[in-house]
Amino acid sequence: MIASYRKAIEVKSDFADAYLNLGVLLKEEVEEAIRSLLLAVNLDPTLRTGFFQLFHAFLGAGSDGKTSLVTHFSSICILSRDYCLCGFST
């Protein structure tokens, strides 16, 4: 499946859903997953699932990911004012 999404991106580099699905599949490779998910939400700011997956990918990255989440969170909110995930669980 990963190879299929990479091929789809190679053919159509602005295919937000392919970046989203690739990011979800790469959850064990957190940095690459985050890059893919960031591309997805940048390409399609209405992709709510992308923001949800990105949020969880950052949290799954450990303390470095949480720092990155804070760094990127404000730009994500600006990027998608209507779809921003502004909830945290403690």
N, C-alpha and C. Protein backbone atom coordinates (compact mmCIF):
# COMPACT_ATOMS: atom_id res chain seq x y z
N MET A 1 0.81 -1.20 0.00
CA MET A 1 0.00 0.00 0.00
C MET A 1 0.86 1.26 0.00
N ILE A 2 1.92 1.26 0.79
CA ILE A 2 2.79 2.44 0.86
C ILE A 2 3.34 2.77 -0.52
N ALA A 3 3.79 1.75 -1.23
CA ALA A 3 4.34 1.97 -2.57
C ALA A 3 3.29 2.56 -3.51
N SER A 4 2.05 2.14 -3.36
CA SER A 4 0.97 2.66 -4.20
C SER A 4 0.73 4.15 -3.96
N TYR A 5 0.75 4.55 -2.70
CA TYR A 5 0.55 5.97 -2.40
C TYR A 5 1.75 6.80 -2.87
N ARG A 6 2.95 6.26 -2.72
CA ARG A 6 4.13 6.97 -3.22
C ARG A 6 4.05 7.14 -4.74
N LYS A 7 3.58 6.13 -5.43
CA LYS A 7 3.44 6.20 -6.88
C LYS A 7 2.37 7.23 -7.25
N ALA A 8 1.27 7.24 -6.52
CA ALA A 8 0.21 8.21 -6.78
C ALA A 8 0.74 9.64 -6.61
N ILE A 9 1.56 9.86 -5.59
CA ILE A 9 2.15 11.18 -5.34
C ILE A 9 3.14 11.53 -6.44
N GLU A 10 3.87 10.54 -6.91
CA GLU A 10 4.82 10.76 -8.00
C GLU A 10 4.08 11.21 -9.26
N VAL A 11 2.93 10.60 -9.52
CA VAL A 11 2.14 10.93 -10.71
C VAL A 11 1.43 12.27 -10.53
N LYS A 12 0.91 12.52 -9.33
CA LYS A 12 0.14 13.75 -9.07
C LYS A 12 0.61 14.32 -7.73
N SER A 13 1.58 15.22 -7.81
CA SER A 13 2.24 15.72 -6.59
C SER A 13 1.35 16.58 -5.69
N ASP A 14 0.18 16.96 -6.15
CA ASP A 14 -0.73 17.74 -5.30
C ASP A 14 -1.94 16.93 -4.83
N PHE A 15 -1.77 15.63 -4.72
CA PHE A 15 -2.84 14.70 -4.33
C PHE A 15 -2.88 14.59 -2.80
N ALA A 16 -3.62 15.49 -2.16
CA ALA A 16 -3.65 15.59 -0.71
C ALA A 16 -4.06 14.28 -0.03
N ASP A 17 -5.05 13.60 -0.58
CA ASP A 17 -5.50 12.34 0.04
C ASP A 17 -4.41 11.27 0.03
N ALA A 18 -3.58 11.26 -1.00
CA ALA A 18 -2.48 10.29 -1.05
C ALA A 18 -1.47 10.59 0.05
N TYR A 19 -1.16 11.88 0.26
CA TYR A 19 -0.25 12.25 1.35
C TYR A 19 -0.85 11.88 2.71
N LEU A 20 -2.16 12.10 2.85
CA LEU A 20 -2.84 11.77 4.10
C LEU A 20 -2.74 10.27 4.37
N ASN A 21 -3.12 9.46 3.41
CA ASN A 21 -3.11 8.02 3.61
C ASN A 21 -1.70 7.48 3.81
N LEU A 22 -0.73 8.05 3.11
CA LEU A 22 0.66 7.66 3.31
C LEU A 22 1.09 7.99 4.73
N GLY A 23 0.74 9.18 5.20
CA GLY A 23 1.09 9.57 6.57
C GLY A 23 0.50 8.64 7.61
N VAL A 24 -0.73 8.22 7.40
CA VAL A 24 -1.38 7.28 8.33
C VAL A 24 -0.65 5.94 8.33
N LEU A 25 -0.30 5.45 7.15
CA LEU A 25 0.40 4.17 7.05
C LEU A 25 1.82 4.21 7.64
N LEU A 26 2.42 5.38 7.64
CA LEU A 26 3.79 5.53 8.12
C LEU A 26 3.87 5.86 9.61
N LYS A 27 2.83 5.55 10.37
CA LYS A 27 2.79 5.96 11.77
C LYS A 27 3.97 5.46 12.60
N GLU A 28 4.60 4.39 12.19
CA GLU A 28 5.78 3.90 12.90
C GLU A 28 7.03 4.71 12.56
N GLU A 29 7.01 5.40 11.44
CA GLU A 29 8.10 6.28 11.01
C GLU A 29 7.61 7.71 11.20
N VAL A 30 7.61 8.15 12.43
CA VAL A 30 6.91 9.37 12.84
C VAL A 30 7.31 10.60 12.03
N GLU A 31 8.60 10.83 11.86
CA GLU A 31 9.03 12.05 11.15
C GLU A 31 8.52 12.07 9.71
N GLU A 32 8.62 10.94 9.04
CA GLU A 32 8.13 10.88 7.66
C GLU A 32 6.60 11.00 7.62
N ALA A 33 5.94 10.41 8.59
CA ALA A 33 4.48 10.52 8.67
C ALA A 33 4.06 11.97 8.85
N ILE A 34 4.75 12.68 9.74
CA ILE A 34 4.42 14.09 9.99
C ILE A 34 4.64 14.92 8.74
N ARG A 35 5.75 14.69 8.03
CA ARG A 35 6.00 15.43 6.79
C ARG A 35 4.88 15.20 5.78
N SER A 36 4.46 13.96 5.64
CA SER A 36 3.40 13.63 4.69
C SER A 36 2.07 14.27 5.10
N LEU A 37 1.75 14.21 6.37
CA LEU A 37 0.50 14.79 6.86
C LEU A 37 0.50 16.32 6.75
N LEU A 38 1.66 16.93 7.01
CA LEU A 38 1.76 18.38 6.82
C LEU A 38 1.51 18.77 5.37
N LEU A 39 2.07 18.00 4.47
CA LEU A 39 1.83 18.25 3.04
C LEU A 39 0.35 18.11 2.71
N ALA A 40 -0.29 17.10 3.28
CA ALA A 40 -1.71 16.87 3.00
C ALA A 40 -2.56 18.07 3.42
N VAL A 41 -2.34 18.56 4.64
CA VAL A 41 -3.18 19.67 5.12
C VAL A 41 -2.80 20.99 4.46
N ASN A 42 -1.56 21.12 4.00
CA ASN A 42 -1.18 22.32 3.26
C ASN A 42 -1.84 22.32 1.88
N LEU A 43 -1.92 21.16 1.28
CA LEU A 43 -2.56 21.05 -0.04
C LEU A 43 -4.07 21.21 0.04
N ASP A 44 -4.66 20.71 1.12
CA ASP A 44 -6.12 20.78 1.27
C ASP A 44 -6.46 21.14 2.72
N PRO A 45 -6.56 22.43 3.02
CA PRO A 45 -6.86 22.87 4.38
C PRO A 45 -8.23 22.44 4.91
N THR A 46 -9.09 21.91 4.07
CA THR A 46 -10.39 21.43 4.53
C THR A 46 -10.34 19.96 4.92
N LEU A 47 -9.19 19.36 4.86
CA LEU A 47 -9.02 17.93 5.14
C LEU A 47 -8.95 17.71 6.66
N ARG A 48 -10.12 17.66 7.29
CA ARG A 48 -10.17 17.56 8.75
C ARG A 48 -9.48 16.31 9.27
N THR A 49 -9.62 15.21 8.57
CA THR A 49 -8.96 13.98 9.00
C THR A 49 -7.45 14.17 9.02
N GLY A 50 -6.94 14.97 8.11
CA GLY A 50 -5.51 15.25 8.06
C GLY A 50 -5.04 15.96 9.32
N PHE A 51 -5.81 16.93 9.78
CA PHE A 51 -5.45 17.64 11.01
C PHE A 51 -5.51 16.70 12.22
N PHE A 52 -6.52 15.88 12.25
CA PHE A 52 -6.66 14.92 13.34
C PHE A 52 -5.47 13.97 13.37
N GLN A 53 -5.11 13.41 12.22
CA GLN A 53 -3.99 12.48 12.14
C GLN A 53 -2.67 13.19 12.46
N LEU A 54 -2.52 14.41 12.00
CA LEU A 54 -1.31 15.18 12.27
C LEU A 54 -1.17 15.45 13.76
N PHE A 55 -2.23 15.84 14.40
CA PHE A 55 -2.25 16.08 15.84
C PHE A 55 -1.75 14.85 16.58
N HIS A 56 -2.28 13.70 16.23
CA HIS A 56 -1.89 12.46 16.91
C HIS A 56 -0.48 12.03 16.55
N ALA A 57 -0.05 12.30 15.35
CA ALA A 57 1.34 11.97 14.97
C ALA A 57 2.31 12.79 15.80
N PHE A 58 2.03 14.07 15.98
CA PHE A 58 2.89 14.90 16.82
C PHE A 58 2.92 14.39 18.25
N LEU A 59 1.76 14.05 18.79
CA LEU A 59 1.71 13.54 20.16
C LEU A 59 2.44 12.21 20.29
N GLY A 60 2.39 11.39 19.24
CA GLY A 60 3.06 10.10 19.25
C GLY A 60 4.56 10.21 19.11
N ALA A 61 5.06 11.40 18.81
CA ALA A 61 6.49 11.59 18.60
C ALA A 61 7.24 11.80 19.91
N GLY A 62 6.56 11.69 21.05
CA GLY A 62 7.23 11.87 22.33
C GLY A 62 7.41 13.34 22.64
N SER A 63 8.34 13.62 23.55
CA SER A 63 8.52 15.01 24.00
C SER A 63 8.94 15.92 22.86
N ASP A 64 9.78 15.44 21.94
CA ASP A 64 10.16 16.26 20.79
C ASP A 64 8.95 16.57 19.93
N GLY A 65 8.07 15.61 19.78
CA GLY A 65 6.86 15.81 18.99
C GLY A 65 5.93 16.82 19.63
N LYS A 66 5.86 16.79 20.96
CA LYS A 66 4.99 17.75 21.65
C LYS A 66 5.53 19.16 21.50
N THR A 67 6.84 19.31 21.51
CA THR A 67 7.45 20.62 21.27
C THR A 67 7.14 21.07 19.85
N SER A 68 7.28 20.15 18.89
CA SER A 68 6.98 20.47 17.50
C SER A 68 5.50 20.80 17.33
N LEU A 69 4.65 20.11 18.05
CA LEU A 69 3.21 20.37 17.97
C LEU A 69 2.92 21.80 18.36
N VAL A 70 3.53 22.25 19.45
CA VAL A 70 3.32 23.63 19.89
C VAL A 70 3.83 24.59 18.83
N THR A 71 4.98 24.30 18.25
CA THR A 71 5.57 25.15 17.22
C THR A 71 4.66 25.25 16.01
N HIS A 72 4.10 24.13 15.57
CA HIS A 72 3.30 24.10 14.35
C HIS A 72 1.82 24.42 14.60
N PHE A 73 1.37 24.33 15.84
CA PHE A 73 -0.05 24.43 16.13
C PHE A 73 -0.64 25.77 15.68
N SER A 74 0.08 26.87 15.94
CA SER A 74 -0.47 28.17 15.57
C SER A 74 -0.58 28.30 14.06
N SER A 75 0.39 27.78 13.32
CA SER A 75 0.30 27.86 11.86
C SER A 75 -0.81 26.96 11.34
N ILE A 76 -1.03 25.84 11.98
CA ILE A 76 -2.12 24.96 11.58
C ILE A 76 -3.46 25.66 11.80
N CYS A 77 -3.60 26.36 12.93
CA CYS A 77 -4.85 27.08 13.22
C CYS A 77 -5.08 28.18 12.19
N ILE A 78 -4.03 28.88 11.82
CA ILE A 78 -4.17 29.93 10.82
C ILE A 78 -4.53 29.33 9.47
N LEU A 79 -3.87 28.21 9.13
CA LEU A 79 -4.11 27.55 7.85
C LEU A 79 -5.55 27.13 7.71
N SER A 80 -6.13 26.64 8.78
CA SER A 80 -7.48 26.09 8.69
C SER A 80 -8.34 26.61 9.83
N ARG A 81 -8.72 27.85 9.76
CA ARG A 81 -9.49 28.48 10.82
C ARG A 81 -10.81 27.75 11.10
N ASP A 82 -11.43 27.22 10.08
CA ASP A 82 -12.73 26.57 10.26
C ASP A 82 -12.61 25.14 10.79
N TYR A 83 -11.44 24.54 10.66
CA TYR A 83 -11.31 23.12 10.98
C TYR A 83 -10.26 22.82 12.02
N CYS A 84 -9.79 23.83 12.72
CA CYS A 84 -8.70 23.65 13.67
C CYS A 84 -9.12 22.77 14.84
N LEU A 85 -8.24 21.86 15.23
CA LEU A 85 -8.45 21.05 16.43
C LEU A 85 -7.80 21.78 17.59
N CYS A 86 -8.59 22.34 18.45
CA CYS A 86 -8.04 23.14 19.55
C CYS A 86 -8.28 22.46 20.88
N GLY A 87 -8.43 21.16 20.91
CA GLY A 87 -8.65 20.46 22.15
C GLY A 87 -7.46 19.60 22.53
N PHE A 88 -7.13 19.60 23.79
CA PHE A 88 -6.05 18.76 24.30
C PHE A 88 -6.62 17.92 25.43
N SER A 89 -6.12 16.72 25.58
CA SER A 89 -6.51 15.93 26.74
C SER A 89 -5.29 15.81 27.64
N THR A 90 -5.51 15.82 28.90
CA THR A 90 -4.39 15.76 29.84
C THR A 90 -4.37 14.45 30.55
